[in-house]
Amino acid sequence: DELSTRHDGPLAAVSIGTPHFSAAEFAELASLAAGLEIHPEVSFYVNTSREIIAAAAVAGHLDPIRRA
């Protein structure tokens, strides 16, 4: 819990998908990310495999995530 819970101070980064983000999760994240803007001082990481990232790119799921 200590690694995933922030009690005070600014948020510096968000990392999801450990161990691996799935294709279905990319589809859901793309839907959630549409129209959102991540604060410029917050890093956002998605951990996945090469195969899943390639499939997400082909499906068009990376664009809305990158725009956020």
PDB file of N, CA and C in Angstrom:
ATOM      1  N   ASP A   1       0.809  -1.201   0.000  1.00  0.00           N
ATOM      2  CA  ASP A   1       0.000   0.000   0.000  1.00  0.00           C
ATOM      3  C   ASP A   1       0.852   1.265   0.000  1.00  0.00           C
ATOM      4  N   GLU A   2       2.002   1.223   0.624  1.00  0.00           N
ATOM      5  CA  GLU A   2       2.824   2.428   0.687  1.00  0.00           C
ATOM      6  C   GLU A   2       3.322   2.862  -0.682  1.00  0.00           C
ATOM      7  N   LEU A   3       3.534   1.918  -1.597  1.00  0.00           N
ATOM      8  CA  LEU A   3       3.999   2.275  -2.928  1.00  0.00           C
ATOM      9  C   LEU A   3       2.895   2.850  -3.800  1.00  0.00           C
ATOM     10  N   SER A   4       1.656   2.498  -3.530  1.00  0.00           N
ATOM     11  CA  SER A   4       0.563   2.920  -4.401  1.00  0.00           C
ATOM     12  C   SER A   4      -0.319   3.999  -3.791  1.00  0.00           C
ATOM     13  N   THR A   5      -0.013   4.457  -2.602  1.00  0.00           N
ATOM     14  CA  THR A   5      -0.853   5.441  -1.927  1.00  0.00           C
ATOM     15  C   THR A   5      -0.075   6.730  -1.718  1.00  0.00           C
ATOM     16  N   ARG A   6      -0.685   7.822  -2.095  1.00  0.00           N
ATOM     17  CA  ARG A   6      -0.074   9.142  -1.911  1.00  0.00           C
ATOM     18  C   ARG A   6      -0.865   9.870  -0.848  1.00  0.00           C
ATOM     19  N   HIS A   7      -0.210  10.290   0.225  1.00  0.00           N
ATOM     20  CA  HIS A   7      -0.905  10.941   1.327  1.00  0.00           C
ATOM     21  C   HIS A   7      -0.892  12.453   1.230  1.00  0.00           C
ATOM     22  N   ASP A   8       0.175  13.022   0.683  1.00  0.00           N
ATOM     23  CA  ASP A   8       0.240  14.475   0.541  1.00  0.00           C
ATOM     24  C   ASP A   8       1.282  14.838  -0.508  1.00  0.00           C
ATOM     25  N   GLY A   9       1.300  16.087  -0.895  1.00  0.00           N
ATOM     26  CA  GLY A   9       2.265  16.559  -1.873  1.00  0.00           C
ATOM     27  C   GLY A   9       1.816  16.299  -3.296  1.00  0.00           C
ATOM     28  N   PRO A  10       2.551  16.851  -4.251  1.00  0.00           N
ATOM     29  CA  PRO A  10       2.161  16.706  -5.656  1.00  0.00           C
ATOM     30  C   PRO A  10       2.417  15.295  -6.186  1.00  0.00           C
ATOM     31  N   LEU A  11       1.600  14.891  -7.119  1.00  0.00           N
ATOM     32  CA  LEU A  11       1.750  13.606  -7.791  1.00  0.00           C
ATOM     33  C   LEU A  11       2.768  13.774  -8.910  1.00  0.00           C
ATOM     34  N   ALA A  12       3.785  12.922  -8.958  1.00  0.00           N
ATOM     35  CA  ALA A  12       4.838  13.039  -9.968  1.00  0.00           C
ATOM     36  C   ALA A  12       4.645  12.080 -11.131  1.00  0.00           C
ATOM     37  N   ALA A  13       4.075  10.891 -10.864  1.00  0.00           N
ATOM     38  CA  ALA A  13       3.957   9.885 -11.916  1.00  0.00           C
ATOM     39  C   ALA A  13       2.850   8.894 -11.593  1.00  0.00           C
ATOM     40  N   VAL A  14       2.304   8.315 -12.669  1.00  0.00           N
ATOM     41  CA  VAL A  14       1.332   7.231 -12.566  1.00  0.00           C
ATOM     42  C   VAL A  14       1.854   6.109 -13.453  1.00  0.00           C
ATOM     43  N   SER A  15       1.895   4.895 -12.926  1.00  0.00           N
ATOM     44  CA  SER A  15       2.353   3.742 -13.688  1.00  0.00           C
ATOM     45  C   SER A  15       1.313   2.640 -13.555  1.00  0.00           C
ATOM     46  N   ILE A  16       0.809   2.169 -14.699  1.00  0.00           N
ATOM     47  CA  ILE A  16      -0.207   1.117 -14.689  1.00  0.00           C
ATOM     48  C   ILE A  16       0.249  -0.034 -15.578  1.00  0.00           C
ATOM     49  N   GLY A  17      -0.353  -1.192 -15.364  1.00  0.00           N
ATOM     50  CA  GLY A  17      -0.086  -2.329 -16.222  1.00  0.00           C
ATOM     51  C   GLY A  17       0.993  -3.263 -15.738  1.00  0.00           C
ATOM     52  N   THR A  18       1.326  -3.205 -14.482  1.00  0.00           N
ATOM     53  CA  THR A  18       2.355  -4.096 -13.993  1.00  0.00           C
ATOM     54  C   THR A  18       1.699  -5.382 -13.509  1.00  0.00           C
ATOM     55  N   PRO A  19       1.965  -6.533 -14.103  1.00  0.00           N
ATOM     56  CA  PRO A  19       3.072  -6.743 -15.006  1.00  0.00           C
ATOM     57  C   PRO A  19       2.793  -6.328 -16.457  1.00  0.00           C
ATOM     58  N   HIS A  20       1.617  -6.566 -17.027  1.00  0.00           N
ATOM     59  CA  HIS A  20       1.374  -6.210 -18.429  1.00  0.00           C
ATOM     60  C   HIS A  20      -0.055  -5.743 -18.643  1.00  0.00           C
ATOM     61  N   PHE A  21      -0.189  -4.600 -19.282  1.00  0.00           N
ATOM     62  CA  PHE A  21      -1.484  -4.044 -19.660  1.00  0.00           C
ATOM     63  C   PHE A  21      -2.010  -4.850 -20.841  1.00  0.00           C
ATOM     64  N   SER A  22      -3.298  -5.179 -20.852  1.00  0.00           N
ATOM     65  CA  SER A  22      -3.874  -6.012 -21.909  1.00  0.00           C
ATOM     66  C   SER A  22      -4.459  -5.159 -23.035  1.00  0.00           C
ATOM     67  N   ALA A  23      -4.776  -5.800 -24.153  1.00  0.00           N
ATOM     68  CA  ALA A  23      -5.408  -5.109 -25.280  1.00  0.00           C
ATOM     69  C   ALA A  23      -6.759  -4.534 -24.863  1.00  0.00           C
ATOM     70  N   ALA A  24      -7.522  -5.289 -24.091  1.00  0.00           N
ATOM     71  CA  ALA A  24      -8.829  -4.804 -23.618  1.00  0.00           C
ATOM     72  C   ALA A  24      -8.659  -3.594 -22.704  1.00  0.00           C
ATOM     73  N   GLU A  25      -7.624  -3.606 -21.883  1.00  0.00           N
ATOM     74  CA  GLU A  25      -7.370  -2.460 -21.003  1.00  0.00           C
ATOM     75  C   GLU A  25      -6.962  -1.226 -21.809  1.00  0.00           C
ATOM     76  N   PHE A  26      -6.214  -1.415 -22.905  1.00  0.00           N
ATOM     77  CA  PHE A  26      -5.875  -0.286 -23.773  1.00  0.00           C
ATOM     78  C   PHE A  26      -7.125   0.321 -24.390  1.00  0.00           C
ATOM     79  N   ALA A  27      -8.063  -0.517 -24.816  1.00  0.00           N
ATOM     80  CA  ALA A  27      -9.311  -0.009 -25.387  1.00  0.00           C
ATOM     81  C   ALA A  27     -10.065   0.822 -24.358  1.00  0.00           C
ATOM     82  N   GLU A  28     -10.128   0.335 -23.134  1.00  0.00           N
ATOM     83  CA  GLU A  28     -10.820   1.072 -22.076  1.00  0.00           C
ATOM     84  C   GLU A  28     -10.088   2.369 -21.730  1.00  0.00           C
ATOM     85  N   LEU A  29      -8.768   2.313 -21.641  1.00  0.00           N
ATOM     86  CA  LEU A  29      -7.992   3.512 -21.329  1.00  0.00           C
ATOM     87  C   LEU A  29      -8.141   4.560 -22.431  1.00  0.00           C
ATOM     88  N   ALA A  30      -8.151   4.134 -23.687  1.00  0.00           N
ATOM     89  CA  ALA A  30      -8.327   5.070 -24.801  1.00  0.00           C
ATOM     90  C   ALA A  30      -9.662   5.785 -24.685  1.00  0.00           C
ATOM     91  N   SER A  31     -10.697   5.044 -24.314  1.00  0.00           N
ATOM     92  CA  SER A  31     -12.020   5.639 -24.126  1.00  0.00           C
ATOM     93  C   SER A  31     -12.018   6.631 -22.967  1.00  0.00           C
ATOM     94  N   LEU A  32     -11.375   6.266 -21.879  1.00  0.00           N
ATOM     95  CA  LEU A  32     -11.301   7.147 -20.710  1.00  0.00           C
ATOM     96  C   LEU A  32     -10.445   8.381 -20.976  1.00  0.00           C
ATOM     97  N   ALA A  33      -9.398   8.235 -21.779  1.00  0.00           N
ATOM     98  CA  ALA A  33      -8.452   9.328 -22.022  1.00  0.00           C
ATOM     99  C   ALA A  33      -8.970  10.360 -23.014  1.00  0.00           C
ATOM    100  N   ALA A  34      -9.956   9.990 -23.819  1.00  0.00           N
ATOM    101  CA  ALA A  34     -10.478  10.914 -24.832  1.00  0.00           C
ATOM    102  C   ALA A  34     -10.961  12.198 -24.168  1.00  0.00           C
ATOM    103  N   GLY A  35     -10.371  13.302 -24.561  1.00  0.00           N
ATOM    104  CA  GLY A  35     -10.774  14.594 -24.026  1.00  0.00           C
ATOM    105  C   GLY A  35     -10.118  14.983 -22.716  1.00  0.00           C
ATOM    106  N   LEU A  36      -9.294  14.103 -22.148  1.00  0.00           N
ATOM    107  CA  LEU A  36      -8.611  14.428 -20.894  1.00  0.00           C
ATOM    108  C   LEU A  36      -7.251  15.054 -21.176  1.00  0.00           C
ATOM    109  N   GLU A  37      -6.735  15.760 -20.201  1.00  0.00           N
ATOM    110  CA  GLU A  37      -5.396  16.321 -20.314  1.00  0.00           C
ATOM    111  C   GLU A  37      -4.632  16.020 -19.033  1.00  0.00           C
ATOM    112  N   ILE A  38      -3.549  15.265 -19.160  1.00  0.00           N
ATOM    113  CA  ILE A  38      -2.704  14.954 -18.015  1.00  0.00           C
ATOM    114  C   ILE A  38      -1.855  16.186 -17.722  1.00  0.00           C
ATOM    115  N   HIS A  39      -1.729  16.529 -16.467  1.00  0.00           N
ATOM    116  CA  HIS A  39      -0.934  17.689 -16.064  1.00  0.00           C
ATOM    117  C   HIS A  39       0.484  17.550 -16.627  1.00  0.00           C
ATOM    118  N   PRO A  40       1.045  18.611 -17.183  1.00  0.00           N
ATOM    119  CA  PRO A  40       2.368  18.517 -17.817  1.00  0.00           C
ATOM    120  C   PRO A  40       3.496  18.097 -16.874  1.00  0.00           C
ATOM    121  N   GLU A  41       3.310  18.226 -15.583  1.00  0.00           N
ATOM    122  CA  GLU A  41       4.355  17.826 -14.635  1.00  0.00           C
ATOM    123  C   GLU A  41       4.164  16.405 -14.103  1.00  0.00           C
ATOM    124  N   VAL A  42       3.156  15.686 -14.620  1.00  0.00           N
ATOM    125  CA  VAL A  42       2.902  14.309 -14.199  1.00  0.00           C
ATOM    126  C   VAL A  42       3.257  13.370 -15.347  1.00  0.00           C
ATOM    127  N   SER A  43       4.115  12.403 -15.084  1.00  0.00           N
ATOM    128  CA  SER A  43       4.457  11.383 -16.074  1.00  0.00           C
ATOM    129  C   SER A  43       3.457  10.244 -15.961  1.00  0.00           C
ATOM    130  N   PHE A  44       3.047   9.686 -17.107  1.00  0.00           N
ATOM    131  CA  PHE A  44       2.076   8.596 -17.139  1.00  0.00           C
ATOM    132  C   PHE A  44       2.687   7.449 -17.932  1.00  0.00           C
ATOM    133  N   TYR A  45       2.811   6.290 -17.309  1.00  0.00           N
ATOM    134  CA  TYR A  45       3.441   5.135 -17.926  1.00  0.00           C
ATOM    135  C   TYR A  45       2.462   3.968 -18.003  1.00  0.00           C
ATOM    136  N   VAL A  46       2.485   3.263 -19.150  1.00  0.00           N
ATOM    137  CA  VAL A  46       1.719   2.031 -19.310  1.00  0.00           C
ATOM    138  C   VAL A  46       2.721   0.929 -19.630  1.00  0.00           C
ATOM    139  N   ASN A  47       2.762  -0.094 -18.809  1.00  0.00           N
ATOM    140  CA  ASN A  47       3.681  -1.217 -19.001  1.00  0.00           C
ATOM    141  C   ASN A  47       2.956  -2.352 -19.707  1.00  0.00           C
ATOM    142  N   THR A  48       3.513  -2.806 -20.828  1.00  0.00           N
ATOM    143  CA  THR A  48       2.886  -3.872 -21.597  1.00  0.00           C
ATOM    144  C   THR A  48       3.940  -4.580 -22.441  1.00  0.00           C
ATOM    145  N   SER A  49       3.496  -5.517 -23.260  1.00  0.00           N
ATOM    146  CA  SER A  49       4.414  -6.237 -24.145  1.00  0.00           C
ATOM    147  C   SER A  49       4.470  -5.555 -25.512  1.00  0.00           C
ATOM    148  N   ARG A  50       5.474  -5.903 -26.294  1.00  0.00           N
ATOM    149  CA  ARG A  50       5.598  -5.356 -27.656  1.00  0.00           C
ATOM    150  C   ARG A  50       4.393  -5.729 -28.515  1.00  0.00           C
ATOM    151  N   GLU A  51       3.915  -6.947 -28.355  1.00  0.00           N
ATOM    152  CA  GLU A  51       2.783  -7.409 -29.155  1.00  0.00           C
ATOM    153  C   GLU A  51       1.519  -6.613 -28.840  1.00  0.00           C
ATOM    154  N   ILE A  52       1.281  -6.358 -27.570  1.00  0.00           N
ATOM    155  CA  ILE A  52       0.077  -5.620 -27.170  1.00  0.00           C
ATOM    156  C   ILE A  52       0.167  -4.166 -27.611  1.00  0.00           C
ATOM    157  N   ILE A  53       1.326  -3.540 -27.488  1.00  0.00           N
ATOM    158  CA  ILE A  53       1.462  -2.145 -27.912  1.00  0.00           C
ATOM    159  C   ILE A  53       1.269  -2.037 -29.423  1.00  0.00           C
ATOM    160  N   ALA A  54       1.750  -3.020 -30.175  1.00  0.00           N
ATOM    161  CA  ALA A  54       1.555  -3.019 -31.628  1.00  0.00           C
ATOM    162  C   ALA A  54       0.076  -3.164 -31.966  1.00  0.00           C
ATOM    163  N   ALA A  55      -0.619  -4.060 -31.275  1.00  0.00           N
ATOM    164  CA  ALA A  55      -2.053  -4.245 -31.512  1.00  0.00           C
ATOM    165  C   ALA A  55      -2.837  -2.995 -31.125  1.00  0.00           C
ATOM    166  N   ALA A  56      -2.452  -2.349 -30.034  1.00  0.00           N
ATOM    167  CA  ALA A  56      -3.124  -1.119 -29.608  1.00  0.00           C
ATOM    168  C   ALA A  56      -2.908  -0.008 -30.626  1.00  0.00           C
ATOM    169  N   ALA A  57      -1.727   0.047 -31.218  1.00  0.00           N
ATOM    170  CA  ALA A  57      -1.442   1.052 -32.245  1.00  0.00           C
ATOM    171  C   ALA A  57      -2.307   0.822 -33.478  1.00  0.00           C
ATOM    172  N   VAL A  58      -2.393  -0.424 -33.932  1.00  0.00           N
ATOM    173  CA  VAL A  58      -3.212  -0.758 -35.100  1.00  0.00           C
ATOM    174  C   VAL A  58      -4.681  -0.438 -34.841  1.00  0.00           C
ATOM    175  N   ALA A  59      -5.144  -0.683 -33.620  1.00  0.00           N
ATOM    176  CA  ALA A  59      -6.547  -0.435 -33.265  1.00  0.00           C
ATOM    177  C   ALA A  59      -6.845   1.049 -33.048  1.00  0.00           C
ATOM    178  N   GLY A  60      -5.810   1.895 -33.038  1.00  0.00           N
ATOM    179  CA  GLY A  60      -6.016   3.324 -32.836  1.00  0.00           C
ATOM    180  C   GLY A  60      -6.174   3.737 -31.386  1.00  0.00           C
ATOM    181  N   HIS A  61      -5.799   2.865 -30.474  1.00  0.00           N
ATOM    182  CA  HIS A  61      -5.970   3.170 -29.051  1.00  0.00           C
ATOM    183  C   HIS A  61      -4.871   4.069 -28.479  1.00  0.00           C
ATOM    184  N   LEU A  62      -3.742   4.163 -29.152  1.00  0.00           N
ATOM    185  CA  LEU A  62      -2.643   4.957 -28.600  1.00  0.00           C
ATOM    186  C   LEU A  62      -2.843   6.457 -28.782  1.00  0.00           C
ATOM    187  N   ASP A  63      -3.483   6.866 -29.868  1.00  0.00           N
ATOM    188  CA  ASP A  63      -3.637   8.299 -30.147  1.00  0.00           C
ATOM    189  C   ASP A  63      -4.335   9.066 -29.030  1.00  0.00           C
ATOM    190  N   PRO A  64      -5.513   8.631 -28.552  1.00  0.00           N
ATOM    191  CA  PRO A  64      -6.147   9.400 -27.478  1.00  0.00           C
ATOM    192  C   PRO A  64      -5.343   9.399 -26.180  1.00  0.00           C
ATOM    193  N   ILE A  65      -4.600   8.332 -25.943  1.00  0.00           N
ATOM    194  CA  ILE A  65      -3.772   8.262 -24.735  1.00  0.00           C
ATOM    195  C   ILE A  65      -2.612   9.246 -24.858  1.00  0.00           C
ATOM    196  N   ARG A  66      -1.979   9.277 -26.010  1.00  0.00           N
ATOM    197  CA  ARG A  66      -0.855  10.200 -26.224  1.00  0.00           C
ATOM    198  C   ARG A  66      -1.304  11.654 -26.193  1.00  0.00           C
ATOM    199  N   ARG A  67      -2.497  11.939 -26.683  1.00  0.00           N
ATOM    200  CA  ARG A  67      -3.010  13.316 -26.662  1.00  0.00           C
ATOM    201  C   ARG A  67      -3.300  13.788 -25.245  1.00  0.00           C
ATOM    202  N   ALA A  68      -3.629  12.852 -24.353  1.00  0.00           N
ATOM    203  CA  ALA A  68      -3.942  13.219 -22.965  1.00  0.00           C
ATOM    204  C   ALA A  68      -2.696  13.718 -22.284  1.00  0.00           C
TER     205      ALA A  68
END
